[in-house]
Amino acid sequence: MDTKLIAVVELLERGVWEEAHGIVHTLEGDLESAEHWYRNAKRTFRGPDAVRAEIATARELLARTG
């Protein structure tokens, strides 16, 4: 399974859905919606080129909260 998808699903499972939602929209190319969800998560939207770093950040958050 795609590691990006796994990271998003893990976020959703732990209730960190605002960040997961932003990552999903970024992967879809729906950048306007991604920006909206990043704002809701109180995170800076760094654009589609930063998705891998965002997933890594999400994994770090999971490690701290899981």
C-alpha atoms as a PDB file:
ATOM      1  CA  MET A   1       0.000   0.000   0.000  1.00  0.00           C
ATOM      2  CA  ASP A   2       1.154   3.557  -0.700  1.00  0.00           C
ATOM      3  CA  THR A   3       2.973   4.982   2.339  1.00  0.00           C
ATOM      4  CA  LYS A   4       1.294   8.371   1.813  1.00  0.00           C
ATOM      5  CA  LEU A   5      -2.117   6.772   2.106  1.00  0.00           C
ATOM      6  CA  ILE A   6      -1.063   4.813   5.191  1.00  0.00           C
ATOM      7  CA  ALA A   7       0.125   8.018   6.880  1.00  0.00           C
ATOM      8  CA  VAL A   8      -3.171   9.766   6.151  1.00  0.00           C
ATOM      9  CA  VAL A   9      -5.222   6.812   7.390  1.00  0.00           C
ATOM     10  CA  GLU A  10      -3.177   6.695  10.600  1.00  0.00           C
ATOM     11  CA  LEU A  11      -3.861  10.376  11.175  1.00  0.00           C
ATOM     12  CA  LEU A  12      -7.570   9.837  10.637  1.00  0.00           C
ATOM     13  CA  GLU A  13      -7.575   6.911  13.060  1.00  0.00           C
ATOM     14  CA  ARG A  14      -6.050   9.081  15.770  1.00  0.00           C
ATOM     15  CA  GLY A  15      -8.401  12.008  15.196  1.00  0.00           C
ATOM     16  CA  VAL A  16      -5.869  14.375  13.615  1.00  0.00           C
ATOM     17  CA  TRP A  17      -8.234  14.805  10.709  1.00  0.00           C
ATOM     18  CA  GLU A  18      -7.620  18.466   9.860  1.00  0.00           C
ATOM     19  CA  GLU A  19      -4.028  17.744   8.905  1.00  0.00           C
ATOM     20  CA  ALA A  20      -4.954  14.500   7.155  1.00  0.00           C
ATOM     21  CA  HIS A  21      -7.645  16.320   5.196  1.00  0.00           C
ATOM     22  CA  GLY A  22      -5.145  18.937   4.003  1.00  0.00           C
ATOM     23  CA  ILE A  23      -2.685  16.264   2.889  1.00  0.00           C
ATOM     24  CA  VAL A  24      -5.390  14.366   0.983  1.00  0.00           C
ATOM     25  CA  HIS A  25      -6.495  17.512  -0.862  1.00  0.00           C
ATOM     26  CA  THR A  26      -2.878  18.335  -1.693  1.00  0.00           C
ATOM     27  CA  LEU A  27      -2.338  14.851  -3.116  1.00  0.00           C
ATOM     28  CA  GLU A  28      -5.529  15.280  -5.172  1.00  0.00           C
ATOM     29  CA  GLY A  29      -4.296  18.596  -6.529  1.00  0.00           C
ATOM     30  CA  ASP A  30      -7.176  20.490  -4.862  1.00  0.00           C
ATOM     31  CA  LEU A  31      -4.915  23.170  -3.430  1.00  0.00           C
ATOM     32  CA  GLU A  32      -7.685  25.609  -2.487  1.00  0.00           C
ATOM     33  CA  SER A  33      -9.296  23.009  -0.225  1.00  0.00           C
ATOM     34  CA  ALA A  34      -5.877  21.964   1.075  1.00  0.00           C
ATOM     35  CA  GLU A  35      -5.155  25.553   2.127  1.00  0.00           C
ATOM     36  CA  HIS A  36      -8.500  25.682   3.932  1.00  0.00           C
ATOM     37  CA  TRP A  37      -7.774  22.528   5.950  1.00  0.00           C
ATOM     38  CA  TYR A  38      -4.229  23.603   6.765  1.00  0.00           C
ATOM     39  CA  ARG A  39      -5.662  26.840   8.168  1.00  0.00           C
ATOM     40  CA  ASN A  40      -8.113  24.788  10.283  1.00  0.00           C
ATOM     41  CA  ALA A  41      -5.181  22.739  11.594  1.00  0.00           C
ATOM     42  CA  LYS A  42      -3.289  25.987  12.327  1.00  0.00           C
ATOM     43  CA  ARG A  43      -0.463  24.915  10.011  1.00  0.00           C
ATOM     44  CA  THR A  44       1.233  26.732   7.173  1.00  0.00           C
ATOM     45  CA  PHE A  45       0.374  25.370   3.737  1.00  0.00           C
ATOM     46  CA  ARG A  46       3.698  25.062   1.917  1.00  0.00           C
ATOM     47  CA  GLY A  47       2.329  23.815  -1.381  1.00  0.00           C
ATOM     48  CA  PRO A  48       2.301  20.506  -3.211  1.00  0.00           C
ATOM     49  CA  ASP A  49       6.086  20.151  -3.286  1.00  0.00           C
ATOM     50  CA  ALA A  50       6.106  19.900   0.512  1.00  0.00           C
ATOM     51  CA  VAL A  51       3.769  16.884   0.781  1.00  0.00           C
ATOM     52  CA  ARG A  52       6.519  14.417   1.685  1.00  0.00           C
ATOM     53  CA  ALA A  53       7.762  16.685   4.453  1.00  0.00           C
ATOM     54  CA  GLU A  54       4.192  17.145   5.690  1.00  0.00           C
ATOM     55  CA  ILE A  55       3.683  13.390   5.832  1.00  0.00           C
ATOM     56  CA  ALA A  56       6.930  13.063   7.791  1.00  0.00           C
ATOM     57  CA  THR A  57       5.685  15.743  10.192  1.00  0.00           C
ATOM     58  CA  ALA A  58       2.398  13.880  10.524  1.00  0.00           C
ATOM     59  CA  ARG A  59       4.273  10.684  11.372  1.00  0.00           C
ATOM     60  CA  GLU A  60       6.262  12.544  14.048  1.00  0.00           C
ATOM     61  CA  LEU A  61       3.005  13.833  15.516  1.00  0.00           C
ATOM     62  CA  LEU A  62       1.639  10.295  15.551  1.00  0.00           C
ATOM     63  CA  ALA A  63       4.732   9.052  17.361  1.00  0.00           C
ATOM     64  CA  ARG A  64       4.216  11.671  20.065  1.00  0.00           C
ATOM     65  CA  THR A  65       0.463  11.147  20.454  1.00  0.00           C
ATOM     66  CA  GLY A  66       0.205   7.425  19.698  1.00  0.00           C
END
